[in-house]
Amino acid sequence: MFIDRRTDLVGMKILITDDDTATRKLYREVLELRHFAVEEARTGRECVDLARSHRPSLIVLDLHMPILDGFSAARELKTHSGTRSIPIVAVSGASRDHETEAALEAGCDVVLNKPISPRDMLQVIDGLLEKARAERLRQFAEMQRQESDELITTIFPDLHALLTPGVVPTDIQIRQLIQGMQVTVCSYCSRVRFPGDWRAISTQALEFFESWTTISHAVCRDCMAREYPQIRQG
């Protein structure tokens, strides 16, 4: 049986675009067997509008349709920031090289020629979805790295003061050191206990500690004297 149940792709939204009702029905049945969520468009214009409003995971796009053909629809999708990253599987009824080249130039990722076997369609869709997900993960990891770099740069003085006096660590060494670090924060004034004293730090530094270290709470000497005057300080 051609159905390969990939549970990691279940529920992803596929937008089918074809002006032929029977073709859309066939594609829907194949995709729903794999538990994809399926939406339909009858024209290139409907495809572009639905893609912008519903953000599907992938688009199956017939190249020859009324009211904006597939080539034009693909170009619009790839020039709009909200739909630029959506993979497009173009479907053509004519297996001509120049048409395939034109579709790829318009922004389609793959061109399939009719008739298309369900197995071939699903293999192509699986491959594009996996590739798109890997790219999203790569972009997320890169975004996290950049945010971490910016935080390290912003709060370097605070982190440096928290570490061993006299040592000038690199940002990589700081990252390694803070993984298992426990930071003590005053419950009243949010100052941090540094070697020898309590010191106010930037909001960014405090947020960094809360995200990347283990936070414990205590009461600094000043807040203890103010809040609990009945307790004698040693």
Protein backbone atom coordinates (compact mmCIF):
# COMPACT_ATOMS: atom_id res chain seq x y z
CA MET A 1 0.00 0.00 0.00
CA PHE A 2 1.36 3.44 -0.91
CA ILE A 3 0.39 5.12 2.35
CA ASP A 4 3.39 5.65 4.63
CA ARG A 5 2.02 7.06 7.87
CA ARG A 6 4.49 9.71 8.94
CA THR A 7 3.13 10.75 12.32
CA ASP A 8 5.47 13.75 12.46
CA LEU A 9 3.70 15.31 9.47
CA VAL A 10 0.12 14.56 10.55
CA GLY A 11 -2.12 17.62 10.59
CA MET A 12 0.04 19.78 8.36
CA LYS A 13 -2.08 21.95 6.07
CA ILE A 14 -1.91 21.38 2.30
CA LEU A 15 -3.55 23.81 -0.13
CA ILE A 16 -4.71 22.14 -3.36
CA THR A 17 -5.18 24.49 -6.30
CA ASP A 18 -6.81 23.19 -9.48
CA ASP A 19 -9.77 24.34 -11.54
CA ASP A 20 -10.89 20.73 -12.09
CA THR A 21 -13.23 19.44 -9.37
CA ALA A 22 -12.44 15.75 -9.96
CA THR A 23 -8.70 16.41 -9.70
CA ARG A 24 -9.08 18.28 -6.43
CA LYS A 25 -11.20 15.43 -5.07
CA LEU A 26 -8.54 12.88 -6.02
CA TYR A 27 -5.74 14.88 -4.41
CA ARG A 28 -7.83 15.43 -1.29
CA GLU A 29 -8.51 11.72 -0.86
CA VAL A 30 -4.84 10.86 -1.21
CA LEU A 31 -3.70 13.54 1.22
CA GLU A 32 -6.39 12.87 3.81
CA LEU A 33 -5.37 9.20 3.90
CA ARG A 34 -2.11 10.54 5.29
CA HIS A 35 -4.04 12.73 7.75
CA PHE A 36 -3.00 16.02 6.21
CA ALA A 37 -5.42 18.93 6.67
CA VAL A 38 -6.57 19.88 3.16
CA GLU A 39 -7.91 23.14 1.77
CA GLU A 40 -8.94 23.81 -1.84
CA ALA A 41 -8.69 26.70 -4.31
CA ARG A 42 -10.10 26.77 -7.83
CA THR A 43 -8.01 29.57 -9.31
CA GLY A 44 -4.59 31.07 -8.89
CA ARG A 45 -6.15 34.14 -7.30
CA GLU A 46 -7.96 32.04 -4.70
CA CYS A 47 -4.69 30.22 -4.03
CA VAL A 48 -2.77 33.41 -3.34
CA ASP A 49 -5.51 34.84 -1.12
CA LEU A 50 -5.91 31.62 0.90
CA ALA A 51 -2.16 31.20 1.26
CA ARG A 52 -1.83 34.70 2.69
CA SER A 53 -4.68 34.29 5.15
CA HIS A 54 -4.30 30.61 6.16
CA ARG A 55 -0.54 30.00 5.75
CA PRO A 56 -0.54 26.36 4.55
CA SER A 57 2.52 24.15 5.04
CA LEU A 58 2.64 23.35 1.31
CA ILE A 59 0.79 24.22 -1.91
CA VAL A 60 -0.09 21.87 -4.78
CA LEU A 61 -0.50 24.22 -7.72
CA ASP A 62 -1.84 23.49 -11.21
CA LEU A 63 -0.01 25.60 -13.78
CA HIS A 64 -2.93 26.13 -16.19
CA MET A 65 -5.93 27.80 -14.57
CA PRO A 66 -8.24 30.75 -15.20
CA ILE A 67 -8.05 34.02 -13.22
CA LEU A 68 -4.29 33.96 -12.63
CA ASP A 69 -2.41 30.90 -13.85
CA GLY A 70 -0.02 28.86 -11.74
CA PHE A 71 3.10 30.65 -12.99
CA SER A 72 1.75 34.05 -11.95
CA ALA A 73 0.41 32.72 -8.67
CA ALA A 74 3.81 31.24 -7.80
CA ARG A 75 5.53 34.54 -8.55
CA GLU A 76 3.12 36.41 -6.28
CA LEU A 77 3.57 33.88 -3.50
CA LYS A 78 7.36 34.11 -3.65
CA THR A 79 7.40 37.92 -3.58
CA HIS A 80 5.20 38.18 -0.47
CA SER A 81 7.05 37.90 2.85
CA GLY A 82 4.26 35.89 4.47
CA THR A 83 4.17 33.18 1.79
CA ARG A 84 7.71 33.23 0.41
CA SER A 85 8.85 30.17 2.37
CA ILE A 86 5.87 27.93 1.52
CA PRO A 87 6.98 25.00 -0.70
CA ILE A 88 5.12 24.74 -4.02
CA VAL A 89 4.52 21.52 -5.96
CA ALA A 90 3.56 22.54 -9.49
CA VAL A 91 1.41 20.20 -11.57
CA SER A 92 1.51 20.30 -15.36
CA GLY A 93 -0.48 18.49 -17.99
CA ALA A 94 2.28 18.99 -20.58
CA SER A 95 5.70 17.41 -20.05
CA ARG A 96 7.69 20.09 -21.87
CA ASP A 97 11.10 21.20 -20.68
CA HIS A 98 10.47 24.91 -21.24
CA GLU A 99 7.32 24.76 -19.09
CA THR A 100 9.17 23.03 -16.27
CA GLU A 101 11.92 25.65 -16.42
CA ALA A 102 9.38 28.47 -16.41
CA ALA A 103 7.65 27.00 -13.36
CA LEU A 104 10.92 26.65 -11.46
CA GLU A 105 11.90 30.21 -12.39
CA ALA A 106 8.51 31.40 -11.09
CA GLY A 107 9.36 29.93 -7.68
CA CYS A 108 7.93 26.39 -7.74
CA ASP A 109 10.09 23.83 -5.93
CA VAL A 110 9.13 20.74 -7.92
CA VAL A 111 7.17 20.16 -11.14
CA LEU A 112 5.14 16.96 -11.51
CA ASN A 113 3.58 15.92 -14.81
CA LYS A 114 0.12 14.38 -15.06
CA PRO A 115 -0.86 11.65 -14.52
CA ILE A 116 0.69 11.59 -11.04
CA SER A 117 0.76 8.44 -8.93
CA PRO A 118 -0.27 8.88 -5.28
CA ARG A 119 3.08 7.41 -4.20
CA ASP A 120 5.07 9.97 -6.21
CA MET A 121 2.97 12.85 -4.93
CA LEU A 122 3.38 11.83 -1.30
CA GLN A 123 7.11 11.24 -1.64
CA VAL A 124 7.61 14.70 -3.09
CA ILE A 125 5.38 16.33 -0.46
CA ASP A 126 7.13 14.48 2.38
CA GLY A 127 10.52 15.54 1.10
CA LEU A 128 9.59 19.21 0.78
CA LEU A 129 7.91 19.32 4.19
CA GLU A 130 10.91 17.71 5.87
CA LYS A 131 13.23 20.14 4.11
CA ALA A 132 11.08 23.11 5.12
CA ARG A 133 10.95 21.95 8.72
CA ALA A 134 14.72 21.45 8.83
CA GLU A 135 15.17 24.98 7.50
CA ARG A 136 12.79 26.38 10.12
CA LEU A 137 14.75 24.59 12.86
CA ARG A 138 18.01 25.93 11.44
CA GLN A 139 16.61 29.47 11.39
CA PHE A 140 15.31 29.10 14.95
CA ALA A 141 18.69 27.85 16.15
CA GLU A 142 20.41 30.75 14.39
CA MET A 143 17.97 33.22 15.93
CA GLN A 144 18.66 31.78 19.39
CA ARG A 145 22.41 31.99 18.78
CA GLN A 146 22.14 35.64 17.74
CA GLU A 147 19.98 36.50 20.76
CA SER A 148 22.45 34.72 23.03
CA ASP A 149 25.36 36.61 21.44
CA GLU A 150 23.56 39.92 21.99
CA LEU A 151 22.79 39.08 25.62
CA ILE A 152 26.35 37.96 26.29
CA THR A 153 27.64 41.25 24.85
CA THR A 154 25.10 43.36 26.75
CA ILE A 155 25.59 41.79 30.17
CA PHE A 156 29.25 40.80 29.92
CA PRO A 157 30.30 43.10 32.82
CA ASP A 158 27.69 41.57 35.14
CA LEU A 159 28.63 38.03 34.17
CA HIS A 160 32.32 38.79 34.50
CA ALA A 161 31.83 40.15 38.01
CA LEU A 162 29.91 37.04 39.02
CA LEU A 163 32.76 34.76 37.99
CA THR A 164 36.16 34.22 39.55
CA PRO A 165 37.84 37.55 40.35
CA GLY A 166 40.90 38.25 38.26
CA VAL A 167 39.82 35.95 35.43
CA VAL A 168 38.87 37.42 32.06
CA PRO A 169 36.81 34.68 30.40
CA THR A 170 35.76 34.59 26.78
CA ASP A 171 32.08 34.54 25.89
CA ILE A 172 32.37 30.80 25.12
CA GLN A 173 33.81 30.16 28.59
CA ILE A 174 30.99 32.22 30.10
CA ARG A 175 28.42 30.08 28.27
CA GLN A 176 30.04 26.93 29.63
CA LEU A 177 30.29 28.28 33.17
CA ILE A 178 26.68 29.46 33.44
CA GLN A 179 25.16 26.13 32.37
CA GLY A 180 25.38 24.73 35.91
CA MET A 181 25.54 28.02 37.81
CA GLN A 182 23.23 28.89 40.67
CA VAL A 183 22.50 32.60 41.09
CA THR A 184 21.09 34.05 44.30
CA VAL A 185 18.66 36.95 43.89
CA CYS A 186 17.24 39.12 46.67
CA SER A 187 13.49 38.59 46.92
CA TYR A 188 12.91 42.28 47.69
CA CYS A 189 15.29 44.38 45.60
CA SER A 190 16.33 41.81 42.95
CA ARG A 191 20.01 42.48 43.55
CA VAL A 192 22.30 39.54 42.89
CA ARG A 193 24.80 38.12 45.36
CA PHE A 194 28.27 38.61 43.94
CA PRO A 195 31.47 37.53 45.70
CA GLY A 196 31.66 39.73 48.77
CA ASP A 197 28.49 41.80 48.27
CA TRP A 198 25.05 42.24 46.68
CA ARG A 199 24.88 44.28 43.51
CA ALA A 200 22.15 45.62 41.24
CA ILE A 201 22.32 44.30 37.69
CA SER A 202 20.58 45.18 34.45
CA THR A 203 17.13 43.84 33.63
CA GLN A 204 18.66 42.02 30.64
CA ALA A 205 21.16 40.30 32.91
CA LEU A 206 18.44 39.21 35.32
CA GLU A 207 16.36 37.83 32.44
CA PHE A 208 19.44 36.02 31.19
CA PHE A 209 19.99 34.38 34.58
CA GLU A 210 16.34 33.36 34.81
CA SER A 211 16.55 31.68 31.38
CA TRP A 212 19.97 30.04 31.59
CA THR A 213 20.81 29.39 35.24
CA THR A 214 19.25 28.06 38.41
CA ILE A 215 17.81 30.90 40.48
CA SER A 216 17.57 30.79 44.27
CA HIS A 217 16.10 33.57 46.41
CA ALA A 218 17.33 35.10 49.63
CA VAL A 219 17.17 38.48 51.37
CA CYS A 220 20.15 40.82 51.19
CA ARG A 221 21.47 42.52 54.32
CA ASP A 222 19.98 45.93 53.45
CA CYS A 223 16.50 44.53 52.79
CA MET A 224 16.74 42.33 55.89
CA ALA A 225 17.48 45.41 58.04
CA ARG A 226 14.65 47.38 56.44
CA GLU A 227 12.00 44.66 56.36
CA TYR A 228 12.90 42.83 59.57
CA PRO A 229 14.35 45.44 61.94
CA GLN A 230 13.59 43.22 64.90
CA ILE A 231 16.20 40.74 63.73
CA ARG A 232 19.73 41.69 64.77
CA GLN A 233 22.27 41.49 61.95
CA GLY A 234 25.35 39.49 62.68
